[in-house]
Amino acid sequence: MIENVSEKAVAARDDLSNLIDRITAAEAEEITGLVQSLYLKNVALKLQQSDSGNNLFAQLEERIMARIAQKKQQRVQLSGMNWETTPSLPSSPMPMLSPNVSKNGMNTD
């Protein structure tokens, strides 16, 4: 009888150990998801509370707006310039021939 009780105790201990392993594995998966969501939540809160986070976006906005204003100013300057064009050479009705070619197109060499 002691041997029978001992076997049942060992089996119960193994079953309990397996049960605890399954429960902790399931909890560990859930905890991993909770840790990730908690981390993201805390990062979002820190960014909201932090002046540097808001300051970063404000600085970025200022830089973008300054660049846009600079581009607009350059366009205004370019459009206001007086562009001088050089007159093209007058075109001749007859193409210039090399000295070795006569008027009828034959080579005189």
PDB file of N, CA and C in Angstrom:
ATOM      1  N   MET A   1       0.820  -1.183   0.000  1.00  0.00           N
ATOM      2  CA  MET A   1       0.000   0.000   0.000  1.00  0.00           C
ATOM      3  C   MET A   1       0.874   1.261   0.000  1.00  0.00           C
ATOM      4  N   ILE A   2       1.954   1.280   0.724  1.00  0.00           N
ATOM      5  CA  ILE A   2       2.850   2.437   0.750  1.00  0.00           C
ATOM      6  C   ILE A   2       3.437   2.653  -0.643  1.00  0.00           C
ATOM      7  N   GLU A   3       3.746   1.553  -1.312  1.00  0.00           N
ATOM      8  CA  GLU A   3       4.288   1.653  -2.663  1.00  0.00           C
ATOM      9  C   GLU A   3       3.250   2.243  -3.610  1.00  0.00           C
ATOM     10  N   ASN A   4       2.002   1.855  -3.471  1.00  0.00           N
ATOM     11  CA  ASN A   4       0.913   2.353  -4.299  1.00  0.00           C
ATOM     12  C   ASN A   4       0.691   3.845  -4.042  1.00  0.00           C
ATOM     13  N   VAL A   5       0.696   4.237  -2.788  1.00  0.00           N
ATOM     14  CA  VAL A   5       0.518   5.649  -2.429  1.00  0.00           C
ATOM     15  C   VAL A   5       1.709   6.460  -2.942  1.00  0.00           C
ATOM     16  N   SER A   6       2.884   5.895  -2.851  1.00  0.00           N
ATOM     17  CA  SER A   6       4.082   6.580  -3.316  1.00  0.00           C
ATOM     18  C   SER A   6       4.029   6.795  -4.830  1.00  0.00           C
ATOM     19  N   GLU A   7       3.580   5.788  -5.580  1.00  0.00           N
ATOM     20  CA  GLU A   7       3.455   5.912  -7.038  1.00  0.00           C
ATOM     21  C   GLU A   7       2.431   6.982  -7.404  1.00  0.00           C
ATOM     22  N   LYS A   8       1.315   6.992  -6.674  1.00  0.00           N
ATOM     23  CA  LYS A   8       0.271   7.993  -6.943  1.00  0.00           C
ATOM     24  C   LYS A   8       0.773   9.388  -6.598  1.00  0.00           C
ATOM     25  N   ALA A   9       1.554   9.525  -5.573  1.00  0.00           N
ATOM     26  CA  ALA A   9       2.099  10.825  -5.186  1.00  0.00           C
ATOM     27  C   ALA A   9       3.072  11.327  -6.258  1.00  0.00           C
ATOM     28  N   VAL A  10       3.895  10.437  -6.767  1.00  0.00           N
ATOM     29  CA  VAL A  10       4.849  10.805  -7.823  1.00  0.00           C
ATOM     30  C   VAL A  10       4.088  11.208  -9.088  1.00  0.00           C
ATOM     31  N   ALA A  11       3.052  10.431  -9.442  1.00  0.00           N
ATOM     32  CA  ALA A  11       2.243  10.740 -10.632  1.00  0.00           C
ATOM     33  C   ALA A  11       1.528  12.084 -10.457  1.00  0.00           C
ATOM     34  N   ALA A  12       1.008  12.327  -9.262  1.00  0.00           N
ATOM     35  CA  ALA A  12       0.315  13.586  -8.989  1.00  0.00           C
ATOM     36  C   ALA A  12       1.300  14.743  -9.070  1.00  0.00           C
ATOM     37  N   ARG A  13       2.494  14.523  -8.527  1.00  0.00           N
ATOM     38  CA  ARG A  13       3.513  15.573  -8.588  1.00  0.00           C
ATOM     39  C   ARG A  13       3.886  15.874 -10.039  1.00  0.00           C
ATOM     40  N   ASP A  14       4.052  14.847 -10.870  1.00  0.00           N
ATOM     41  CA  ASP A  14       4.373  15.040 -12.293  1.00  0.00           C
ATOM     42  C   ASP A  14       3.237  15.755 -13.024  1.00  0.00           C
ATOM     43  N   ASP A  15       1.999  15.343 -12.725  1.00  0.00           N
ATOM     44  CA  ASP A  15       0.844  16.004 -13.348  1.00  0.00           C
ATOM     45  C   ASP A  15       0.780  17.472 -12.943  1.00  0.00           C
ATOM     46  N   LEU A  16       1.006  17.731 -11.650  1.00  0.00           N
ATOM     47  CA  LEU A  16       0.982  19.102 -11.153  1.00  0.00           C
ATOM     48  C   LEU A  16       2.106  19.917 -11.789  1.00  0.00           C
ATOM     49  N   SER A  17       3.266  19.316 -11.937  1.00  0.00           N
ATOM     50  CA  SER A  17       4.397  19.991 -12.561  1.00  0.00           C
ATOM     51  C   SER A  17       4.080  20.321 -14.022  1.00  0.00           C
ATOM     52  N   ASN A  18       3.496  19.386 -14.752  1.00  0.00           N
ATOM     53  CA  ASN A  18       3.104  19.631 -16.155  1.00  0.00           C
ATOM     54  C   ASN A  18       2.045  20.721 -16.253  1.00  0.00           C
ATOM     55  N   LEU A  19       1.092  20.690 -15.314  1.00  0.00           N
ATOM     56  CA  LEU A  19       0.041  21.696 -15.299  1.00  0.00           C
ATOM     57  C   LEU A  19       0.638  23.088 -15.067  1.00  0.00           C
ATOM     58  N   ILE A  20       1.557  23.184 -14.118  1.00  0.00           N
ATOM     59  CA  ILE A  20       2.201  24.471 -13.821  1.00  0.00           C
ATOM     60  C   ILE A  20       3.009  24.949 -15.024  1.00  0.00           C
ATOM     61  N   ASP A  21       3.699  24.024 -15.699  1.00  0.00           N
ATOM     62  CA  ASP A  21       4.465  24.389 -16.895  1.00  0.00           C
ATOM     63  C   ASP A  21       3.550  24.956 -17.985  1.00  0.00           C
ATOM     64  N   ARG A  22       2.423  24.311 -18.223  1.00  0.00           N
ATOM     65  CA  ARG A  22       1.483  24.793 -19.255  1.00  0.00           C
ATOM     66  C   ARG A  22       0.902  26.155 -18.880  1.00  0.00           C
ATOM     67  N   ILE A  23       0.568  26.335 -17.609  1.00  0.00           N
ATOM     68  CA  ILE A  23      -0.004  27.607 -17.156  1.00  0.00           C
ATOM     69  C   ILE A  23       1.023  28.731 -17.281  1.00  0.00           C
ATOM     70  N   THR A  24       2.242  28.470 -16.826  1.00  0.00           N
ATOM     71  CA  THR A  24       3.264  29.526 -16.900  1.00  0.00           C
ATOM     72  C   THR A  24       3.631  29.846 -18.349  1.00  0.00           C
ATOM     73  N   ALA A  25       3.618  28.846 -19.223  1.00  0.00           N
ATOM     74  CA  ALA A  25       3.902  29.108 -20.638  1.00  0.00           C
ATOM     75  C   ALA A  25       2.820  29.992 -21.243  1.00  0.00           C
ATOM     76  N   ALA A  26       1.558  29.711 -20.925  1.00  0.00           N
ATOM     77  CA  ALA A  26       0.446  30.525 -21.428  1.00  0.00           C
ATOM     78  C   ALA A  26       0.526  31.937 -20.863  1.00  0.00           C
ATOM     79  N   GLU A  27       0.844  32.045 -19.589  1.00  0.00           N
ATOM     80  CA  GLU A  27       0.957  33.359 -18.957  1.00  0.00           C
ATOM     81  C   GLU A  27       2.138  34.148 -19.541  1.00  0.00           C
ATOM     82  N   ALA A  28       3.223  33.433 -19.831  1.00  0.00           N
ATOM     83  CA  ALA A  28       4.396  34.102 -20.394  1.00  0.00           C
ATOM     84  C   ALA A  28       4.065  34.710 -21.756  1.00  0.00           C
ATOM     85  N   GLU A  29       3.299  34.002 -22.580  1.00  0.00           N
ATOM     86  CA  GLU A  29       2.895  34.550 -23.874  1.00  0.00           C
ATOM     87  C   GLU A  29       2.046  35.801 -23.681  1.00  0.00           C
ATOM     88  N   GLU A  30       1.131  35.739 -22.733  1.00  0.00           N
ATOM     89  CA  GLU A  30       0.260  36.889 -22.469  1.00  0.00           C
ATOM     90  C   GLU A  30       1.073  38.053 -21.920  1.00  0.00           C
ATOM     91  N   ILE A  31       2.023  37.750 -21.038  1.00  0.00           N
ATOM     92  CA  ILE A  31       2.846  38.794 -20.431  1.00  0.00           C
ATOM     93  C   ILE A  31       3.705  39.481 -21.493  1.00  0.00           C
ATOM     94  N   THR A  32       4.216  38.708 -22.453  1.00  0.00           N
ATOM     95  CA  THR A  32       5.019  39.301 -23.524  1.00  0.00           C
ATOM     96  C   THR A  32       4.214  40.356 -24.272  1.00  0.00           C
ATOM     97  N   GLY A  33       2.984  40.035 -24.609  1.00  0.00           N
ATOM     98  CA  GLY A  33       2.119  41.006 -25.281  1.00  0.00           C
ATOM     99  C   GLY A  33       1.822  42.208 -24.404  1.00  0.00           C
ATOM    100  N   LEU A  34       1.604  41.958 -23.117  1.00  0.00           N
ATOM    101  CA  LEU A  34       1.339  43.058 -22.194  1.00  0.00           C
ATOM    102  C   LEU A  34       2.551  43.961 -22.031  1.00  0.00           C
ATOM    103  N   VAL A  35       3.722  43.353 -21.958  1.00  0.00           N
ATOM    104  CA  VAL A  35       4.951  44.143 -21.812  1.00  0.00           C
ATOM    105  C   VAL A  35       5.146  45.035 -23.041  1.00  0.00           C
ATOM    106  N   GLN A  36       4.922  44.493 -24.223  1.00  0.00           N
ATOM    107  CA  GLN A  36       5.082  45.288 -25.445  1.00  0.00           C
ATOM    108  C   GLN A  36       4.079  46.437 -25.488  1.00  0.00           C
ATOM    109  N   SER A  37       2.837  46.167 -25.153  1.00  0.00           N
ATOM    110  CA  SER A  37       1.837  47.237 -25.190  1.00  0.00           C
ATOM    111  C   SER A  37       2.097  48.275 -24.100  1.00  0.00           C
ATOM    112  N   LEU A  38       2.561  47.819 -22.918  1.00  0.00           N
ATOM    113  CA  LEU A  38       2.915  48.758 -21.855  1.00  0.00           C
ATOM    114  C   LEU A  38       4.089  49.638 -22.272  1.00  0.00           C
ATOM    115  N   TYR A  39       5.061  49.040 -22.918  1.00  0.00           N
ATOM    116  CA  TYR A  39       6.226  49.791 -23.390  1.00  0.00           C
ATOM    117  C   TYR A  39       5.784  50.878 -24.367  1.00  0.00           C
ATOM    118  N   LEU A  40       4.978  50.504 -25.338  1.00  0.00           N
ATOM    119  CA  LEU A  40       4.518  51.482 -26.328  1.00  0.00           C
ATOM    120  C   LEU A  40       3.680  52.582 -25.682  1.00  0.00           C
ATOM    121  N   LYS A  41       2.866  52.192 -24.717  1.00  0.00           N
ATOM    122  CA  LYS A  41       2.044  53.183 -24.015  1.00  0.00           C
ATOM    123  C   LYS A  41       2.936  54.178 -23.277  1.00  0.00           C
ATOM    124  N   ASN A  42       3.954  53.675 -22.589  1.00  0.00           N
ATOM    125  CA  ASN A  42       4.863  54.552 -21.838  1.00  0.00           C
ATOM    126  C   ASN A  42       5.674  55.456 -22.763  1.00  0.00           C
ATOM    127  N   VAL A  43       6.089  54.936 -23.908  1.00  0.00           N
ATOM    128  CA  VAL A  43       6.821  55.758 -24.871  1.00  0.00           C
ATOM    129  C   VAL A  43       5.921  56.885 -25.371  1.00  0.00           C
ATOM    130  N   ALA A  44       4.672  56.561 -25.680  1.00  0.00           N
ATOM    131  CA  ALA A  44       3.731  57.584 -26.149  1.00  0.00           C
ATOM    132  C   ALA A  44       3.497  58.640 -25.080  1.00  0.00           C
ATOM    133  N   LEU A  45       3.354  58.216 -23.836  1.00  0.00           N
ATOM    134  CA  LEU A  45       3.163  59.176 -22.752  1.00  0.00           C
ATOM    135  C   LEU A  45       4.376  60.081 -22.583  1.00  0.00           C
ATOM    136  N   LYS A  46       5.565  59.498 -22.645  1.00  0.00           N
ATOM    137  CA  LYS A  46       6.792  60.287 -22.501  1.00  0.00           C
ATOM    138  C   LYS A  46       6.909  61.305 -23.623  1.00  0.00           C
ATOM    139  N   LEU A  47       6.559  60.905 -24.839  1.00  0.00           N
ATOM    140  CA  LEU A  47       6.627  61.841 -25.953  1.00  0.00           C
ATOM    141  C   LEU A  47       5.627  62.977 -25.786  1.00  0.00           C
ATOM    142  N   GLN A  48       4.462  62.672 -25.245  1.00  0.00           N
ATOM    143  CA  GLN A  48       3.462  63.718 -25.018  1.00  0.00           C
ATOM    144  C   GLN A  48       3.929  64.686 -23.936  1.00  0.00           C
ATOM    145  N   GLN A  49       4.531  64.149 -22.897  1.00  0.00           N
ATOM    146  CA  GLN A  49       4.948  64.974 -21.774  1.00  0.00           C
ATOM    147  C   GLN A  49       6.236  65.728 -22.058  1.00  0.00           C
ATOM    148  N   SER A  50       7.034  65.193 -22.921  1.00  0.00           N
ATOM    149  CA  SER A  50       8.362  65.750 -23.163  1.00  0.00           C
ATOM    150  C   SER A  50       8.286  66.977 -24.048  1.00  0.00           C
ATOM    151  N   ASP A  51       8.944  68.021 -23.598  1.00  0.00           N
ATOM    152  CA  ASP A  51       9.053  69.218 -24.429  1.00  0.00           C
ATOM    153  C   ASP A  51       9.943  68.948 -25.622  1.00  0.00           C
ATOM    154  N   SER A  52      10.928  68.066 -25.439  1.00  0.00           N
ATOM    155  CA  SER A  52      11.845  67.795 -26.542  1.00  0.00           C
ATOM    156  C   SER A  52      11.122  67.113 -27.688  1.00  0.00           C
ATOM    157  N   GLY A  53      10.166  66.259 -27.389  1.00  0.00           N
ATOM    158  CA  GLY A  53       9.395  65.613 -28.454  1.00  0.00           C
ATOM    159  C   GLY A  53       8.586  66.623 -29.228  1.00  0.00           C
ATOM    160  N   ASN A  54       7.890  67.491 -28.508  1.00  0.00           N
ATOM    161  CA  ASN A  54       7.110  68.529 -29.171  1.00  0.00           C
ATOM    162  C   ASN A  54       8.034  69.537 -29.835  1.00  0.00           C
ATOM    163  N   ASN A  55       9.141  69.817 -29.173  1.00  0.00           N
ATOM    164  CA  ASN A  55      10.106  70.755 -29.704  1.00  0.00           C
ATOM    165  C   ASN A  55      10.704  70.221 -31.006  1.00  0.00           C
ATOM    166  N   LEU A  56      10.939  68.931 -31.068  1.00  0.00           N
ATOM    167  CA  LEU A  56      11.486  68.314 -32.266  1.00  0.00           C
ATOM    168  C   LEU A  56      10.558  68.553 -33.450  1.00  0.00           C
ATOM    169  N   PHE A  57       9.266  68.316 -33.258  1.00  0.00           N
ATOM    170  CA  PHE A  57       8.321  68.515 -34.348  1.00  0.00           C
ATOM    171  C   PHE A  57       8.183  69.993 -34.690  1.00  0.00           C
ATOM    172  N   ALA A  58       8.256  70.853 -33.694  1.00  0.00           N
ATOM    173  CA  ALA A  58       8.183  72.292 -33.944  1.00  0.00           C
ATOM    174  C   ALA A  58       9.394  72.750 -34.753  1.00  0.00           C
ATOM    175  N   GLN A  59      10.580  72.244 -34.395  1.00  0.00           N
ATOM    176  CA  GLN A  59      11.790  72.595 -35.134  1.00  0.00           C
ATOM    177  C   GLN A  59      11.728  72.076 -36.566  1.00  0.00           C
ATOM    178  N   LEU A  60      11.225  70.873 -36.710  1.00  0.00           N
ATOM    179  CA  LEU A  60      11.096  70.294 -38.037  1.00  0.00           C
ATOM    180  C   LEU A  60      10.143  71.122 -38.892  1.00  0.00           C
ATOM    181  N   GLU A  61       9.030  71.530 -38.307  1.00  0.00           N
ATOM    182  CA  GLU A  61       8.066  72.358 -39.028  1.00  0.00           C
ATOM    183  C   GLU A  61       8.698  73.688 -39.432  1.00  0.00           C
ATOM    184  N   GLU A  62       9.446  74.300 -38.522  1.00  0.00           N
ATOM    185  CA  GLU A  62      10.104  75.572 -38.829  1.00  0.00           C
ATOM    186  C   GLU A  62      11.085  75.424 -39.981  1.00  0.00           C
ATOM    187  N   ARG A  63      11.856  74.359 -39.973  1.00  0.00           N
ATOM    188  CA  ARG A  63      12.829  74.134 -41.048  1.00  0.00           C
ATOM    189  C   ARG A  63      12.138  73.948 -42.390  1.00  0.00           C
ATOM    190  N   ILE A  64      11.068  73.178 -42.396  1.00  0.00           N
ATOM    191  CA  ILE A  64      10.339  72.941 -43.645  1.00  0.00           C
ATOM    192  C   ILE A  64       9.748  74.244 -44.167  1.00  0.00           C
ATOM    193  N   MET A  65       9.132  75.015 -43.276  1.00  0.00           N
ATOM    194  CA  MET A  65       8.516  76.275 -43.694  1.00  0.00           C
ATOM    195  C   MET A  65       9.585  77.267 -44.181  1.00  0.00           C
ATOM    196  N   ALA A  66      10.743  77.292 -43.552  1.00  0.00           N
ATOM    197  CA  ALA A  66      11.824  78.178 -43.984  1.00  0.00           C
ATOM    198  C   ALA A  66      12.309  77.776 -45.372  1.00  0.00           C
ATOM    199  N   ARG A  67      12.415  76.482 -45.610  1.00  0.00           N
ATOM    200  CA  ARG A  67      12.866  75.990 -46.919  1.00  0.00           C
ATOM    201  C   ARG A  67      11.858  76.355 -48.006  1.00  0.00           C
ATOM    202  N   ILE A  68      10.574  76.220 -47.695  1.00  0.00           N
ATOM    203  CA  ILE A  68       9.526  76.585 -48.655  1.00  0.00           C
ATOM    204  C   ILE A  68       9.585  78.081 -48.952  1.00  0.00           C
ATOM    205  N   ALA A  69       9.745  78.893 -47.918  1.00  0.00           N
ATOM    206  CA  ALA A  69       9.831  80.346 -48.106  1.00  0.00           C
ATOM    207  C   ALA A  69      11.053  80.694 -48.950  1.00  0.00           C
ATOM    208  N   GLN A  70      12.150  80.019 -48.729  1.00  0.00           N
ATOM    209  CA  GLN A  70      13.372  80.267 -49.494  1.00  0.00           C
ATOM    210  C   GLN A  70      13.150  79.931 -50.965  1.00  0.00           C
ATOM    211  N   LYS A  71      12.497  78.818 -51.241  1.00  0.00           N
ATOM    212  CA  LYS A  71      12.215  78.422 -52.630  1.00  0.00           C
ATOM    213  C   LYS A  71      11.298  79.439 -53.300  1.00  0.00           C
ATOM    214  N   LYS A  72      10.279  79.913 -52.561  1.00  0.00           N
ATOM    215  CA  LYS A  72       9.374  80.919 -53.117  1.00  0.00           C
ATOM    216  C   LYS A  72      10.142  82.195 -53.440  1.00  0.00           C
ATOM    217  N   GLN A  73      11.020  82.617 -52.550  1.00  0.00           N
ATOM    218  CA  GLN A  73      11.810  83.827 -52.754  1.00  0.00           C
ATOM    219  C   GLN A  73      12.692  83.683 -53.991  1.00  0.00           C
ATOM    220  N   GLN A  74      13.279  82.515 -54.172  1.00  0.00           N
ATOM    221  CA  GLN A  74      14.124  82.291 -55.343  1.00  0.00           C
ATOM    222  C   GLN A  74      13.297  82.380 -56.622  1.00  0.00           C
ATOM    223  N   ARG A  75      12.091  81.837 -56.609  1.00  0.00           N
ATOM    224  CA  ARG A  75      11.223  81.912 -57.785  1.00  0.00           C
ATOM    225  C   ARG A  75      10.851  83.352 -58.094  1.00  0.00           C
ATOM    226  N   VAL A  76      10.540  84.122 -57.051  1.00  0.00           N
ATOM    227  CA  VAL A  76      10.194  85.524 -57.249  1.00  0.00           C
ATOM    228  C   VAL A  76      11.379  86.273 -57.841  1.00  0.00           C
ATOM    229  N   GLN A  77      12.560  86.020 -57.340  1.00  0.00           N
ATOM    230  CA  GLN A  77      13.759  86.677 -57.859  1.00  0.00           C
ATOM    231  C   GLN A  77      14.000  86.301 -59.319  1.00  0.00           C
ATOM    232  N   LEU A  78      13.828  85.030 -59.632  1.00  0.00           N
ATOM    233  CA  LEU A  78      14.044  84.590 -61.006  1.00  0.00           C
ATOM    234  C   LEU A  78      13.003  85.166 -61.952  1.00  0.00           C
ATOM    235  N   SER A  79      11.778  85.269 -61.511  1.00  0.00           N
ATOM    236  CA  SER A  79      10.731  85.789 -62.392  1.00  0.00           C
ATOM    237  C   SER A  79      10.865  87.291 -62.583  1.00  0.00           C
ATOM    238  N   GLY A  80      11.461  88.002 -61.653  1.00  0.00           N
ATOM    239  CA  GLY A  80      11.617  89.448 -61.753  1.00  0.00           C
ATOM    240  C   GLY A  80      12.852  89.879 -62.521  1.00  0.00           C
ATOM    241  N   MET A  81      13.729  88.957 -62.859  1.00  0.00           N
ATOM    242  CA  MET A  81      14.966  89.317 -63.558  1.00  0.00           C
ATOM    243  C   MET A  81      14.663  89.661 -65.012  1.00  0.00           C
ATOM    244  N   ASN A  82      15.441  90.611 -65.532  1.00  0.00           N
ATOM    245  CA  ASN A  82      15.348  90.935 -66.952  1.00  0.00           C
ATOM    246  C   ASN A  82      16.329  90.041 -67.691  1.00  0.00           C
ATOM    247  N   TRP A  83      15.804  89.114 -68.363  1.00  0.00           N
ATOM    248  CA  TRP A  83      16.643  88.184 -69.100  1.00  0.00           C
ATOM    249  C   TRP A  83      16.967  88.811 -70.453  1.00  0.00           C
ATOM    250  N   GLU A  84      18.244  88.996 -70.739  1.00  0.00           N
ATOM    251  CA  GLU A  84      18.654  89.552 -72.020  1.00  0.00           C
ATOM    252  C   GLU A  84      18.967  88.407 -72.956  1.00  0.00           C
ATOM    253  N   THR A  85      18.440  88.532 -74.141  1.00  0.00           N
ATOM    254  CA  THR A  85      18.742  87.507 -75.139  1.00  0.00           C
ATOM    255  C   THR A  85      19.667  88.111 -76.174  1.00  0.00           C
ATOM    256  N   THR A  86      20.582  87.332 -76.622  1.00  0.00           N
ATOM    257  CA  THR A  86      21.485  87.812 -77.668  1.00  0.00           C
ATOM    258  C   THR A  86      20.833  87.524 -79.008  1.00  0.00           C
ATOM    259  N   PRO A  87      20.882  88.488 -79.910  1.00  0.00           N
ATOM    260  CA  PRO A  87      20.254  88.249 -81.210  1.00  0.00           C
ATOM    261  C   PRO A  87      21.013  87.164 -81.957  1.00  0.00           C
ATOM    262  N   SER A  88      20.285  86.356 -82.654  1.00  0.00           N
ATOM    263  CA  SER A  88      20.932  85.301 -83.423  1.00  0.00           C
ATOM    264  C   SER A  88      21.468  85.890 -84.712  1.00  0.00           C
ATOM    265  N   LEU A  89      22.425  85.213 -85.254  1.00  0.00           N
ATOM    266  CA  LEU A  89      23.016  85.673 -86.509  1.00  0.00           C
ATOM    267  C   LEU A  89      21.973  85.571 -87.616  1.00  0.00           C
ATOM    268  N   PRO A  90      21.956  86.536 -88.503  1.00  0.00           N
ATOM    269  CA  PRO A  90      20.967  86.450 -89.585  1.00  0.00           C
ATOM    270  C   PRO A  90      21.255  85.234 -90.455  1.00  0.00           C
ATOM    271  N   SER A  91      20.217  84.599 -90.853  1.00  0.00           N
ATOM    272  CA  SER A  91      20.411  83.397 -91.661  1.00  0.00           C
ATOM    273  C   SER A  91      20.563  83.805 -93.122  1.00  0.00           C
ATOM    274  N   SER A  92      21.423  83.121 -93.781  1.00  0.00           N
ATOM    275  CA  SER A  92      21.701  83.392 -95.186  1.00  0.00           C
ATOM    276  C   SER A  92      20.788  82.521 -96.029  1.00  0.00           C
ATOM    277  N   PRO A  93      20.204  83.060 -97.119  1.00  0.00           N
ATOM    278  CA  PRO A  93      19.345  82.234 -97.947  1.00  0.00           C
ATOM    279  C   PRO A  93      20.125  81.129 -98.646  1.00  0.00           C
ATOM    280  N   MET A  94      21.405  81.342 -98.858  1.00  0.00           N
ATOM    281  CA  MET A  94      22.200  80.339 -99.542  1.00  0.00           C
ATOM    282  C   MET A  94      23.251  79.828 -98.566  1.00  0.00           C
ATOM    283  N   PRO A  95      23.373  78.525 -98.400  1.00  0.00           N
ATOM    284  CA  PRO A  95      24.372  78.000 -97.470  1.00  0.00           C
ATOM    285  C   PRO A  95      25.769  78.345 -97.958  1.00  0.00           C
ATOM    286  N   MET A  96      26.647  78.521 -97.004  1.00  0.00           N
ATOM    287  CA  MET A  96      28.029  78.834 -97.365  1.00  0.00           C
ATOM    288  C   MET A  96      28.703  77.574 -97.883  1.00  0.00           C
ATOM    289  N   LEU A  97      29.423  77.726 -98.976  1.00  0.00           N
ATOM    290  CA  LEU A  97      30.105  76.588 -99.576  1.00  0.00           C
ATOM    291  C   LEU A  97      31.588  76.666 -99.251  1.00  0.00           C
ATOM    292  N   SER A  98      32.211  75.525 -99.188  1.00  0.00           N
ATOM    293  CA  SER A  98      33.653  75.538 -98.961  1.00  0.00           C
ATOM    294  C   SER A  98      34.319  76.063-100.226  1.00  0.00           C
ATOM    295  N   PRO A  99      35.532  76.588-100.132  1.00  0.00           N
ATOM    296  CA  PRO A  99      36.180  77.190-101.297  1.00  0.00           C
ATOM    297  C   PRO A  99      36.399  76.216-102.453  1.00  0.00           C
ATOM    298  N   ASN A 100      36.426  74.945-102.201  1.00  0.00           N
ATOM    299  CA  ASN A 100      36.693  73.971-103.254  1.00  0.00           C
ATOM    300  C   ASN A 100      35.423  73.496-103.955  1.00  0.00           C
ATOM    301  N   VAL A 101      34.257  74.017-103.555  1.00  0.00           N
ATOM    302  CA  VAL A 101      33.020  73.560-104.159  1.00  0.00           C
ATOM    303  C   VAL A 101      32.436  74.709-104.970  1.00  0.00           C
ATOM    304  N   SER A 102      32.087  74.445-106.206  1.00  0.00           N
ATOM    305  CA  SER A 102      31.517  75.493-107.042  1.00  0.00           C
ATOM    306  C   SER A 102      30.038  75.646-106.766  1.00  0.00           C
ATOM    307  N   LYS A 103      29.397  76.628-107.416  1.00  0.00           N
ATOM    308  CA  LYS A 103      27.986  76.887-107.189  1.00  0.00           C
ATOM    309  C   LYS A 103      27.097  75.741-107.618  1.00  0.00           C
ATOM    310  N   ASN A 104      27.512  74.962-108.584  1.00  0.00           N
ATOM    311  CA  ASN A 104      26.685  73.839-109.033  1.00  0.00           C
ATOM    312  C   ASN A 104      26.932  72.582-108.199  1.00  0.00           C
ATOM    313  N   GLY A 105      27.769  72.685-107.163  1.00  0.00           N
ATOM    314  CA  GLY A 105      27.988  71.582-106.240  1.00  0.00           C
ATOM    315  C   GLY A 105      29.103  70.661-106.633  1.00  0.00           C
ATOM    316  N   MET A 106      29.811  70.969-107.692  1.00  0.00           N
ATOM    317  CA  MET A 106      30.909  70.083-108.147  1.00  0.00           C
ATOM    318  C   MET A 106      32.207  70.515-107.482  1.00  0.00           C
ATOM    319  N   ASN A 107      33.024  69.540-107.201  1.00  0.00           N
ATOM    320  CA  ASN A 107      34.304  69.796-106.573  1.00  0.00           C
ATOM    321  C   ASN A 107      35.272  70.322-107.613  1.00  0.00           C
ATOM    322  N   THR A 108      35.999  71.390-107.290  1.00  0.00           N
ATOM    323  CA  THR A 108      36.919  72.010-108.257  1.00  0.00           C
ATOM    324  C   THR A 108      38.329  71.486-108.138  1.00  0.00           C
ATOM    325  N   ASP A 109      38.597  70.580-107.237  1.00  0.00           N
ATOM    326  CA  ASP A 109      39.960  70.026-107.104  1.00  0.00           C
ATOM    327  C   ASP A 109      40.330  69.135-108.230  1.00  0.00           C
TER     328      ASP A 109
END
